[in-house]
């Protein structure tokens, strides 16, 4: 493993896949994010790229970095070839999303086209549902997982609902006080 500082704001870490798997606990967490943040005293964004050669890995690392930089907190994302993105790799308690920048699944492509939602959004929703132990989702869960506003999460669900790719199946009372939250069942798999 080798760490090279390109300038005051950018460092490049070179390693192989087996060491990366060990460092990230099989793509689950990058524990050094918080440590580096504490040392530097500022928010940091880390993009890790995996490719067949150093040039490709750097391209994917820059792609992952763009996702990390879009967040409001220090975070790390990992990008593999063929568009697979994993992140944020912040905590062992929270399963990172595994999504794609493009869709190979024809059914999901059709959903994205009909709803005018991005392939990334559809892919993230599918990953979020697969990471849960229950079949429903709320706008609050989407907002938190995607690091977006509640308003944007509601817009996504309303769009899916208007095209019959989502259906309200009930409500849940949030902890403490507050209005009940709608529970949605998403229909992102072929029937």
N, C-alpha and C. Protein backbone atom coordinates (compact mmCIF):
# COMPACT_ATOMS: atom_id res chain seq x y z
N UNK A 1 0.85 -1.16 0.00
CA UNK A 1 0.00 0.00 0.00
C UNK A 1 0.90 1.23 0.00
N UNK A 2 0.48 2.26 -0.75
CA UNK A 2 1.27 3.49 -0.83
C UNK A 2 0.33 4.69 -0.81
N UNK A 3 0.71 5.72 -0.08
CA UNK A 3 -0.06 6.96 -0.01
C UNK A 3 0.81 8.08 -0.54
N UNK A 4 0.29 8.79 -1.55
CA UNK A 4 1.01 9.89 -2.17
C UNK A 4 0.15 11.14 -2.09
N UNK A 5 0.74 12.26 -1.65
CA UNK A 5 0.01 13.52 -1.60
C UNK A 5 0.27 14.28 -2.90
N UNK A 6 -0.82 14.52 -3.64
CA UNK A 6 -0.72 15.24 -4.90
C UNK A 6 -0.58 16.75 -4.64
N UNK A 7 -1.31 17.24 -3.65
CA UNK A 7 -1.21 18.64 -3.21
C UNK A 7 -1.78 18.71 -1.80
N UNK A 8 -2.01 19.91 -1.29
CA UNK A 8 -2.53 20.06 0.08
C UNK A 8 -3.93 19.51 0.26
N UNK A 9 -4.65 19.31 -0.85
CA UNK A 9 -6.05 18.91 -0.76
C UNK A 9 -6.34 17.53 -1.32
N UNK A 10 -5.36 16.89 -1.93
CA UNK A 10 -5.63 15.61 -2.57
C UNK A 10 -4.50 14.62 -2.31
N UNK A 11 -4.91 13.43 -1.87
CA UNK A 11 -3.96 12.34 -1.65
C UNK A 11 -4.44 11.14 -2.45
N UNK A 12 -3.51 10.34 -2.90
CA UNK A 12 -3.84 9.14 -3.66
C UNK A 12 -3.29 7.93 -2.91
N UNK A 13 -4.18 6.96 -2.68
CA UNK A 13 -3.81 5.73 -2.00
C UNK A 13 -3.79 4.62 -3.03
N UNK A 14 -2.65 3.94 -3.16
CA UNK A 14 -2.52 2.81 -4.07
C UNK A 14 -2.47 1.53 -3.25
N UNK A 15 -3.30 0.57 -3.64
CA UNK A 15 -3.31 -0.72 -2.96
C UNK A 15 -3.91 -1.76 -3.89
N UNK A 16 -3.96 -2.99 -3.45
CA UNK A 16 -4.59 -4.02 -4.26
C UNK A 16 -5.96 -4.36 -3.67
N UNK A 17 -6.73 -5.16 -4.41
CA UNK A 17 -8.10 -5.43 -3.98
C UNK A 17 -8.19 -6.20 -2.67
N UNK A 18 -7.25 -7.12 -2.42
CA UNK A 18 -7.35 -7.89 -1.19
C UNK A 18 -7.10 -7.00 0.04
N UNK A 19 -6.17 -6.07 -0.06
CA UNK A 19 -5.93 -5.14 1.06
C UNK A 19 -7.11 -4.19 1.20
N UNK A 20 -7.67 -3.75 0.07
CA UNK A 20 -8.84 -2.87 0.13
C UNK A 20 -10.00 -3.57 0.81
N UNK A 21 -10.24 -4.83 0.47
CA UNK A 21 -11.33 -5.58 1.11
C UNK A 21 -11.11 -5.65 2.62
N UNK A 22 -9.86 -5.81 3.02
CA UNK A 22 -9.53 -5.86 4.45
C UNK A 22 -9.74 -4.48 5.09
N UNK A 23 -9.28 -3.42 4.42
CA UNK A 23 -9.42 -2.05 4.95
C UNK A 23 -10.88 -1.64 5.10
N UNK A 24 -11.72 -2.06 4.17
CA UNK A 24 -13.12 -1.64 4.16
C UNK A 24 -14.06 -2.70 4.74
N UNK A 25 -13.49 -3.73 5.33
CA UNK A 25 -14.29 -4.83 5.90
C UNK A 25 -15.30 -5.32 4.87
N UNK A 26 -14.78 -5.68 3.70
CA UNK A 26 -15.59 -6.16 2.57
C UNK A 26 -16.61 -5.13 2.11
N UNK A 27 -16.13 -3.93 1.88
CA UNK A 27 -16.95 -2.83 1.33
C UNK A 27 -18.06 -2.36 2.27
N UNK A 28 -17.86 -2.46 3.56
CA UNK A 28 -18.87 -2.07 4.54
C UNK A 28 -18.57 -0.72 5.20
N UNK A 29 -17.29 -0.46 5.52
CA UNK A 29 -16.94 0.74 6.27
C UNK A 29 -15.48 1.10 5.96
N UNK A 30 -15.17 2.39 5.95
CA UNK A 30 -13.80 2.85 5.84
C UNK A 30 -13.51 3.60 7.13
N UNK A 31 -12.96 2.91 8.13
CA UNK A 31 -12.84 3.48 9.48
C UNK A 31 -11.91 4.68 9.58
N UNK A 32 -11.09 4.92 8.58
CA UNK A 32 -10.13 6.01 8.66
C UNK A 32 -10.74 7.38 8.35
N UNK A 33 -11.96 7.40 7.84
CA UNK A 33 -12.60 8.67 7.50
C UNK A 33 -12.68 9.57 8.73
N UNK A 34 -13.21 9.05 9.83
CA UNK A 34 -13.35 9.85 11.06
C UNK A 34 -11.99 10.24 11.63
N UNK A 35 -11.04 9.31 11.57
CA UNK A 35 -9.70 9.60 12.10
C UNK A 35 -9.05 10.74 11.32
N UNK A 36 -9.15 10.70 10.00
CA UNK A 36 -8.56 11.75 9.16
C UNK A 36 -9.27 13.08 9.41
N UNK A 37 -10.60 13.03 9.55
CA UNK A 37 -11.37 14.24 9.83
C UNK A 37 -10.91 14.88 11.14
N UNK A 38 -10.69 14.08 12.16
CA UNK A 38 -10.25 14.60 13.46
C UNK A 38 -8.85 15.20 13.38
N UNK A 39 -7.96 14.56 12.65
CA UNK A 39 -6.60 15.07 12.49
C UNK A 39 -6.59 16.39 11.75
N UNK A 40 -7.36 16.47 10.66
CA UNK A 40 -7.38 17.69 9.84
C UNK A 40 -8.29 18.77 10.42
N UNK A 41 -9.26 18.38 11.22
CA UNK A 41 -10.17 19.34 11.82
C UNK A 41 -11.17 19.94 10.83
N UNK A 42 -11.47 19.22 9.78
CA UNK A 42 -12.42 19.70 8.78
C UNK A 42 -13.13 18.52 8.12
N UNK A 43 -14.23 18.80 7.46
CA UNK A 43 -14.97 17.76 6.73
C UNK A 43 -14.12 17.26 5.58
N UNK A 44 -14.13 15.95 5.38
CA UNK A 44 -13.36 15.38 4.27
C UNK A 44 -14.24 14.48 3.41
N UNK A 45 -13.85 14.35 2.17
CA UNK A 45 -14.54 13.48 1.23
C UNK A 45 -13.50 12.54 0.64
N UNK A 46 -13.81 11.25 0.63
CA UNK A 46 -12.88 10.25 0.13
C UNK A 46 -13.57 9.45 -0.97
N UNK A 47 -12.89 9.31 -2.09
CA UNK A 47 -13.34 8.47 -3.18
C UNK A 47 -12.32 7.39 -3.43
N UNK A 48 -12.75 6.15 -3.42
CA UNK A 48 -11.87 5.02 -3.66
C UNK A 48 -12.30 4.37 -4.98
N UNK A 49 -11.35 4.13 -5.85
CA UNK A 49 -11.65 3.51 -7.14
C UNK A 49 -10.95 2.19 -7.30
N UNK A 50 -11.64 1.23 -7.91
CA UNK A 50 -11.08 -0.09 -8.18
C UNK A 50 -11.14 -0.31 -9.68
N UNK A 51 -9.97 -0.59 -10.26
CA UNK A 51 -9.90 -0.83 -11.69
C UNK A 51 -8.84 -1.84 -12.03
N UNK A 52 -8.78 -2.20 -13.31
CA UNK A 52 -7.80 -3.19 -13.77
C UNK A 52 -6.38 -2.64 -13.78
N UNK A 53 -6.26 -1.31 -13.79
CA UNK A 53 -4.94 -0.68 -13.74
C UNK A 53 -5.07 0.63 -12.98
N UNK A 54 -3.95 1.27 -12.70
CA UNK A 54 -3.95 2.49 -11.89
C UNK A 54 -4.74 3.61 -12.55
N UNK A 55 -4.64 3.73 -13.87
CA UNK A 55 -5.36 4.80 -14.58
C UNK A 55 -6.87 4.63 -14.44
N UNK A 56 -7.36 3.41 -14.60
CA UNK A 56 -8.81 3.15 -14.45
C UNK A 56 -9.24 3.36 -13.01
N UNK A 57 -8.44 2.89 -12.07
CA UNK A 57 -8.77 3.05 -10.66
C UNK A 57 -8.89 4.53 -10.30
N UNK A 58 -8.03 5.37 -10.88
CA UNK A 58 -8.10 6.80 -10.61
C UNK A 58 -9.38 7.41 -11.17
N UNK A 59 -9.80 6.97 -12.35
CA UNK A 59 -11.06 7.44 -12.94
C UNK A 59 -12.22 7.10 -12.02
N UNK A 60 -12.26 5.85 -11.54
CA UNK A 60 -13.35 5.43 -10.65
C UNK A 60 -13.28 6.13 -9.30
N UNK A 61 -12.07 6.38 -8.82
CA UNK A 61 -11.92 7.10 -7.55
C UNK A 61 -12.48 8.52 -7.67
N UNK A 62 -12.24 9.17 -8.79
CA UNK A 62 -12.80 10.51 -9.00
C UNK A 62 -14.31 10.47 -9.08
N UNK A 63 -14.86 9.42 -9.67
CA UNK A 63 -16.32 9.26 -9.72
C UNK A 63 -16.87 9.08 -8.30
N UNK A 64 -16.23 8.23 -7.52
CA UNK A 64 -16.66 8.01 -6.13
C UNK A 64 -16.53 9.29 -5.32
N UNK A 65 -15.48 10.05 -5.57
CA UNK A 65 -15.25 11.30 -4.85
C UNK A 65 -16.38 12.29 -5.08
N UNK A 66 -16.92 12.33 -6.29
CA UNK A 66 -18.04 13.24 -6.58
C UNK A 66 -19.25 12.91 -5.71
N UNK A 67 -19.52 11.63 -5.50
CA UNK A 67 -20.62 11.24 -4.61
C UNK A 67 -20.31 11.66 -3.19
N UNK A 68 -19.08 11.44 -2.73
CA UNK A 68 -18.70 11.80 -1.37
C UNK A 68 -18.79 13.31 -1.15
N UNK A 69 -18.34 14.08 -2.13
CA UNK A 69 -18.35 15.54 -2.00
C UNK A 69 -19.77 16.11 -1.98
N UNK A 70 -20.74 15.36 -2.48
CA UNK A 70 -22.12 15.85 -2.51
C UNK A 70 -22.81 15.73 -1.15
N UNK A 71 -22.17 15.08 -0.20
CA UNK A 71 -22.77 14.88 1.12
C UNK A 71 -22.42 16.02 2.06
N UNK A 72 -23.18 16.13 3.14
CA UNK A 72 -23.02 17.22 4.10
C UNK A 72 -22.09 16.87 5.26
N UNK A 73 -21.52 15.68 5.22
CA UNK A 73 -20.64 15.24 6.30
C UNK A 73 -19.45 14.51 5.69
N UNK A 74 -18.44 14.28 6.49
CA UNK A 74 -17.30 13.50 6.01
C UNK A 74 -17.78 12.10 5.64
N UNK A 75 -17.36 11.65 4.47
CA UNK A 75 -17.82 10.35 4.01
C UNK A 75 -16.88 9.77 2.97
N UNK A 76 -17.04 8.48 2.75
CA UNK A 76 -16.24 7.75 1.78
C UNK A 76 -17.17 6.94 0.87
N UNK A 77 -16.88 6.97 -0.42
CA UNK A 77 -17.58 6.15 -1.41
C UNK A 77 -16.55 5.32 -2.16
N UNK A 78 -17.00 4.20 -2.68
CA UNK A 78 -16.16 3.26 -3.40
C UNK A 78 -16.78 3.02 -4.76
N UNK A 79 -15.98 3.10 -5.83
CA UNK A 79 -16.49 2.88 -7.19
C UNK A 79 -15.70 1.77 -7.87
N UNK A 80 -16.45 0.83 -8.40
CA UNK A 80 -15.88 -0.27 -9.17
C UNK A 80 -16.13 -0.02 -10.65
N UNK A 81 -15.43 -0.77 -11.48
CA UNK A 81 -15.69 -0.67 -12.92
C UNK A 81 -17.12 -1.11 -13.20
N UNK A 82 -17.63 -0.81 -14.34
CA UNK A 82 -19.00 -1.10 -14.76
C UNK A 82 -20.04 -0.31 -13.98
N UNK A 83 -19.64 0.80 -13.33
CA UNK A 83 -20.58 1.72 -12.72
C UNK A 83 -21.09 1.39 -11.34
N UNK A 84 -20.58 0.34 -10.69
CA UNK A 84 -21.05 -0.01 -9.35
C UNK A 84 -20.45 0.93 -8.31
N UNK A 85 -21.33 1.55 -7.51
CA UNK A 85 -20.93 2.48 -6.45
C UNK A 85 -21.41 1.90 -5.12
N UNK A 86 -20.57 2.00 -4.09
CA UNK A 86 -20.94 1.56 -2.75
C UNK A 86 -20.67 2.70 -1.78
N UNK A 87 -21.66 3.02 -0.96
CA UNK A 87 -21.45 4.06 0.02
C UNK A 87 -22.74 4.59 0.58
N UNK A 88 -22.65 5.45 1.52
CA UNK A 88 -21.42 5.87 2.20
C UNK A 88 -20.89 4.78 3.13
N UNK A 89 -19.56 4.71 3.23
CA UNK A 89 -18.89 3.73 4.07
C UNK A 89 -18.56 4.37 5.42
N UNK A 90 -19.61 4.81 6.13
CA UNK A 90 -19.42 5.59 7.35
C UNK A 90 -19.47 4.81 8.64
N UNK A 91 -20.30 3.79 8.71
CA UNK A 91 -20.56 3.15 9.99
C UNK A 91 -20.81 1.66 9.80
N UNK A 92 -20.30 0.87 10.73
CA UNK A 92 -20.55 -0.57 10.68
C UNK A 92 -22.01 -0.89 10.99
N UNK A 93 -22.70 0.04 11.66
CA UNK A 93 -24.10 -0.20 12.04
C UNK A 93 -25.06 0.05 10.87
N UNK A 94 -24.65 0.84 9.88
CA UNK A 94 -25.53 1.18 8.77
C UNK A 94 -24.97 0.56 7.49
N UNK A 95 -25.76 -0.30 6.88
CA UNK A 95 -25.35 -0.96 5.64
C UNK A 95 -25.27 0.07 4.52
N UNK A 96 -24.11 0.16 3.83
CA UNK A 96 -24.02 1.13 2.73
C UNK A 96 -24.88 0.68 1.55
N UNK A 97 -25.31 1.65 0.76
CA UNK A 97 -26.06 1.33 -0.45
C UNK A 97 -25.08 0.85 -1.52
N UNK A 98 -25.53 -0.08 -2.32
CA UNK A 98 -24.76 -0.55 -3.46
C UNK A 98 -25.64 -0.29 -4.68
N UNK A 99 -25.21 0.65 -5.50
CA UNK A 99 -26.05 1.05 -6.62
C UNK A 99 -25.19 1.23 -7.87
N UNK A 100 -25.86 1.51 -8.96
CA UNK A 100 -25.16 1.63 -10.23
C UNK A 100 -25.45 2.98 -10.86
N UNK A 101 -24.47 3.47 -11.61
CA UNK A 101 -24.67 4.73 -12.32
C UNK A 101 -25.43 4.50 -13.63
N UNK A 102 -25.61 3.26 -14.00
CA UNK A 102 -26.41 2.92 -15.16
C UNK A 102 -27.15 1.61 -14.89
N UNK A 103 -28.26 1.43 -15.57
CA UNK A 103 -29.09 0.26 -15.34
C UNK A 103 -28.95 -0.73 -16.49
N UNK A 104 -28.68 -1.98 -16.16
CA UNK A 104 -28.66 -3.04 -17.16
C UNK A 104 -29.98 -3.78 -17.22
N UNK A 105 -30.76 -3.67 -16.14
CA UNK A 105 -32.04 -4.35 -16.04
C UNK A 105 -33.09 -3.58 -16.84
N UNK A 106 -33.67 -4.24 -17.83
CA UNK A 106 -34.63 -3.61 -18.74
C UNK A 106 -35.85 -3.06 -18.00
N UNK A 107 -36.34 -3.82 -17.02
CA UNK A 107 -37.51 -3.38 -16.25
C UNK A 107 -37.21 -2.08 -15.49
N UNK A 108 -36.05 -2.02 -14.86
CA UNK A 108 -35.67 -0.81 -14.13
C UNK A 108 -35.43 0.37 -15.08
N UNK A 109 -34.90 0.08 -16.25
CA UNK A 109 -34.73 1.14 -17.27
C UNK A 109 -36.08 1.71 -17.66
N UNK A 110 -37.07 0.84 -17.81
CA UNK A 110 -38.42 1.29 -18.16
C UNK A 110 -39.02 2.17 -17.05
N UNK A 111 -38.80 1.77 -15.79
CA UNK A 111 -39.30 2.57 -14.68
C UNK A 111 -38.64 3.95 -14.68
N UNK A 112 -37.34 3.99 -14.86
CA UNK A 112 -36.62 5.27 -14.90
C UNK A 112 -37.13 6.14 -16.04
N UNK A 113 -37.34 5.55 -17.19
CA UNK A 113 -37.82 6.32 -18.35
C UNK A 113 -39.24 6.85 -18.13
N UNK A 114 -40.13 6.00 -17.65
CA UNK A 114 -41.53 6.41 -17.44
C UNK A 114 -41.65 7.51 -16.38
N UNK A 115 -40.88 7.39 -15.30
CA UNK A 115 -41.02 8.31 -14.18
C UNK A 115 -40.11 9.53 -14.28
N UNK A 116 -39.17 9.51 -15.22
CA UNK A 116 -38.16 10.57 -15.36
C UNK A 116 -37.27 10.67 -14.11
N UNK A 117 -37.17 9.58 -13.36
CA UNK A 117 -36.22 9.52 -12.25
C UNK A 117 -34.92 8.93 -12.80
N UNK A 118 -33.81 9.32 -12.22
CA UNK A 118 -32.52 8.86 -12.73
C UNK A 118 -32.30 7.38 -12.44
N UNK A 119 -31.42 6.80 -13.23
CA UNK A 119 -31.03 5.40 -13.02
C UNK A 119 -30.43 5.23 -11.63
N UNK A 120 -29.68 6.22 -11.19
CA UNK A 120 -29.06 6.16 -9.87
C UNK A 120 -30.13 6.12 -8.78
N UNK A 121 -31.16 6.95 -8.91
CA UNK A 121 -32.24 6.97 -7.92
C UNK A 121 -32.94 5.62 -7.86
N UNK A 122 -33.29 5.06 -9.02
CA UNK A 122 -33.96 3.77 -9.05
C UNK A 122 -33.06 2.69 -8.45
N UNK A 123 -31.79 2.71 -8.82
CA UNK A 123 -30.84 1.72 -8.30
C UNK A 123 -30.67 1.85 -6.79
N UNK A 124 -30.61 3.09 -6.27
CA UNK A 124 -30.48 3.31 -4.83
C UNK A 124 -31.73 2.82 -4.09
N UNK A 125 -32.91 3.09 -4.65
CA UNK A 125 -34.14 2.64 -4.02
C UNK A 125 -34.17 1.11 -3.90
N UNK A 126 -33.77 0.47 -4.97
CA UNK A 126 -33.75 -1.00 -4.97
C UNK A 126 -32.77 -1.52 -3.91
N UNK A 127 -31.61 -0.90 -3.83
CA UNK A 127 -30.62 -1.30 -2.83
C UNK A 127 -31.13 -1.07 -1.42
N UNK A 128 -31.78 0.07 -1.20
CA UNK A 128 -32.31 0.40 0.12
C UNK A 128 -33.33 -0.64 0.56
N UNK A 129 -34.20 -1.04 -0.33
CA UNK A 129 -35.22 -2.04 0.00
C UNK A 129 -34.56 -3.40 0.27
N UNK A 130 -33.57 -3.76 -0.53
CA UNK A 130 -32.89 -5.04 -0.35
C UNK A 130 -32.13 -5.10 0.97
N UNK A 131 -31.68 -3.95 1.49
CA UNK A 131 -30.92 -3.91 2.75
C UNK A 131 -31.82 -3.97 3.98
N UNK A 132 -33.13 -3.95 3.80
CA UNK A 132 -34.06 -3.92 4.93
C UNK A 132 -34.62 -5.31 5.20
N UNK A 133 -35.16 -5.46 6.39
CA UNK A 133 -35.80 -6.73 6.73
C UNK A 133 -37.32 -6.63 6.63
N UNK A 134 -37.82 -5.56 6.03
CA UNK A 134 -39.26 -5.38 5.82
C UNK A 134 -39.49 -4.80 4.42
N UNK A 135 -40.67 -5.02 3.85
CA UNK A 135 -40.92 -4.64 2.45
C UNK A 135 -41.39 -3.20 2.22
N UNK A 136 -41.51 -2.41 3.26
CA UNK A 136 -42.03 -1.05 3.10
C UNK A 136 -40.94 -0.01 3.34
N UNK A 137 -41.27 1.23 2.95
CA UNK A 137 -40.30 2.32 3.08
C UNK A 137 -41.06 3.62 3.34
N UNK A 138 -40.40 4.56 4.01
CA UNK A 138 -40.99 5.88 4.24
C UNK A 138 -40.13 6.93 3.57
N UNK A 139 -40.69 8.10 3.39
CA UNK A 139 -39.92 9.20 2.81
C UNK A 139 -38.75 9.59 3.73
N UNK A 140 -38.94 9.43 5.04
CA UNK A 140 -37.86 9.74 5.99
C UNK A 140 -36.67 8.81 5.80
N UNK A 141 -36.94 7.53 5.54
CA UNK A 141 -35.87 6.58 5.31
C UNK A 141 -35.08 6.94 4.03
N UNK A 142 -35.79 7.32 3.00
CA UNK A 142 -35.15 7.71 1.74
C UNK A 142 -34.32 8.97 1.95
N UNK A 143 -34.90 9.96 2.61
CA UNK A 143 -34.19 11.22 2.84
C UNK A 143 -32.88 10.97 3.61
N UNK A 144 -32.95 10.14 4.62
CA UNK A 144 -31.76 9.86 5.42
C UNK A 144 -30.72 9.05 4.63
N UNK A 145 -31.17 8.01 3.95
CA UNK A 145 -30.24 7.15 3.21
C UNK A 145 -29.59 7.87 2.03
N UNK A 146 -30.35 8.73 1.36
CA UNK A 146 -29.84 9.42 0.17
C UNK A 146 -29.22 10.77 0.50
N UNK A 147 -29.35 11.20 1.76
CA UNK A 147 -28.86 12.52 2.19
C UNK A 147 -29.50 13.62 1.34
N UNK A 148 -30.85 13.55 1.26
CA UNK A 148 -31.62 14.54 0.52
C UNK A 148 -32.70 15.10 1.45
N UNK A 149 -33.37 16.13 1.00
CA UNK A 149 -34.42 16.72 1.83
C UNK A 149 -35.64 15.81 1.86
N UNK A 150 -36.43 15.97 2.90
CA UNK A 150 -37.68 15.22 3.03
C UNK A 150 -38.61 15.56 1.86
N UNK A 151 -38.60 16.79 1.45
CA UNK A 151 -39.43 17.24 0.33
C UNK A 151 -39.06 16.48 -0.95
N UNK A 152 -37.76 16.33 -1.20
CA UNK A 152 -37.31 15.61 -2.39
C UNK A 152 -37.68 14.14 -2.29
N UNK A 153 -37.53 13.55 -1.12
CA UNK A 153 -37.91 12.14 -0.92
C UNK A 153 -39.40 11.94 -1.16
N UNK A 154 -40.22 12.87 -0.67
CA UNK A 154 -41.67 12.80 -0.90
C UNK A 154 -41.99 12.91 -2.40
N UNK A 155 -41.27 13.77 -3.08
CA UNK A 155 -41.48 13.94 -4.53
C UNK A 155 -41.17 12.63 -5.27
N UNK A 156 -40.09 11.96 -4.89
CA UNK A 156 -39.74 10.68 -5.51
C UNK A 156 -40.85 9.67 -5.30
N UNK A 157 -41.33 9.55 -4.05
CA UNK A 157 -42.40 8.59 -3.76
C UNK A 157 -43.71 8.95 -4.47
N UNK A 158 -44.04 10.22 -4.52
CA UNK A 158 -45.27 10.62 -5.21
C UNK A 158 -45.17 10.34 -6.71
N UNK A 159 -44.00 10.55 -7.27
CA UNK A 159 -43.80 10.24 -8.69
C UNK A 159 -43.98 8.75 -8.93
N UNK A 160 -43.35 7.93 -8.11
CA UNK A 160 -43.48 6.48 -8.25
C UNK A 160 -44.94 6.05 -8.05
N UNK A 161 -45.62 6.68 -7.09
CA UNK A 161 -47.01 6.35 -6.82
C UNK A 161 -47.91 6.71 -8.01
N UNK A 162 -47.66 7.85 -8.62
CA UNK A 162 -48.50 8.28 -9.75
C UNK A 162 -48.35 7.36 -10.96
N UNK A 163 -47.24 6.65 -11.06
CA UNK A 163 -47.04 5.69 -12.14
C UNK A 163 -47.26 4.25 -11.68
N UNK A 164 -47.81 4.10 -10.48
CA UNK A 164 -48.16 2.81 -9.88
C UNK A 164 -46.95 1.91 -9.61
N UNK A 165 -45.80 2.52 -9.35
CA UNK A 165 -44.63 1.77 -8.92
C UNK A 165 -44.46 1.85 -7.41
N UNK A 166 -45.36 2.56 -6.76
CA UNK A 166 -45.38 2.65 -5.29
C UNK A 166 -46.84 2.72 -4.86
N UNK A 167 -47.09 2.17 -3.68
CA UNK A 167 -48.46 2.13 -3.17
C UNK A 167 -48.41 2.33 -1.65
N UNK A 168 -49.28 3.21 -1.14
CA UNK A 168 -49.36 3.41 0.32
C UNK A 168 -50.04 2.18 0.90
N UNK A 169 -49.36 1.56 1.89
CA UNK A 169 -49.90 0.34 2.51
C UNK A 169 -50.23 0.53 3.99
N UNK A 170 -50.00 1.74 4.49
CA UNK A 170 -50.30 2.00 5.89
C UNK A 170 -49.56 3.21 6.41
N UNK A 171 -49.56 3.35 7.73
CA UNK A 171 -48.87 4.45 8.39
C UNK A 171 -48.13 3.92 9.61
N UNK A 172 -47.10 4.66 10.02
CA UNK A 172 -46.41 4.36 11.27
C UNK A 172 -46.28 5.64 12.06
N UNK A 173 -46.34 5.52 13.35
CA UNK A 173 -46.16 6.67 14.23
C UNK A 173 -44.67 6.80 14.52
N UNK A 174 -44.08 7.98 14.25
CA UNK A 174 -42.65 8.13 14.55
C UNK A 174 -42.40 8.13 16.05
N UNK A 175 -41.17 7.84 16.46
CA UNK A 175 -40.86 7.89 17.89
C UNK A 175 -41.12 9.30 18.43
N UNK A 176 -41.65 9.38 19.62
CA UNK A 176 -41.94 10.69 20.20
C UNK A 176 -43.19 11.29 19.59
N UNK A 177 -43.08 12.55 19.24
CA UNK A 177 -44.23 13.27 18.69
C UNK A 177 -44.08 13.41 17.19
N UNK A 178 -45.17 13.77 16.56
CA UNK A 178 -45.12 14.01 15.12
C UNK A 178 -46.27 13.33 14.40
N UNK A 179 -46.44 13.74 13.16
CA UNK A 179 -47.50 13.18 12.33
C UNK A 179 -47.13 11.77 11.89
N UNK A 180 -48.15 10.93 11.69
CA UNK A 180 -47.87 9.58 11.19
C UNK A 180 -47.18 9.66 9.82
N UNK A 181 -46.33 8.69 9.55
CA UNK A 181 -45.60 8.62 8.28
C UNK A 181 -46.24 7.55 7.40
N UNK A 182 -46.39 7.88 6.13
CA UNK A 182 -46.93 6.91 5.19
C UNK A 182 -45.91 5.81 4.93
N UNK A 183 -46.40 4.58 4.90
CA UNK A 183 -45.58 3.43 4.54
C UNK A 183 -45.87 3.08 3.09
N UNK A 184 -44.82 2.99 2.28
CA UNK A 184 -44.97 2.68 0.86
C UNK A 184 -44.40 1.31 0.56
N UNK A 185 -45.09 0.62 -0.31
CA UNK A 185 -44.56 -0.60 -0.90
C UNK A 185 -44.11 -0.23 -2.31
N UNK A 186 -42.85 -0.52 -2.63
CA UNK A 186 -42.33 -0.20 -3.96
C UNK A 186 -42.40 -1.44 -4.84
N UNK A 187 -42.75 -1.21 -6.09
CA UNK A 187 -42.86 -2.30 -7.06
C UNK A 187 -41.77 -2.11 -8.11
N UNK A 188 -40.56 -2.47 -7.73
CA UNK A 188 -39.42 -2.30 -8.63
C UNK A 188 -38.94 -3.61 -9.22
N UNK A 189 -39.63 -4.70 -8.90
CA UNK A 189 -39.27 -5.98 -9.48
C UNK A 189 -40.32 -6.38 -10.50
N UNK A 190 -39.91 -7.18 -11.45
CA UNK A 190 -40.85 -7.64 -12.47
C UNK A 190 -41.81 -8.63 -11.85
N UNK A 191 -43.06 -8.55 -12.22
CA UNK A 191 -44.07 -9.46 -11.65
C UNK A 191 -44.33 -10.61 -12.55
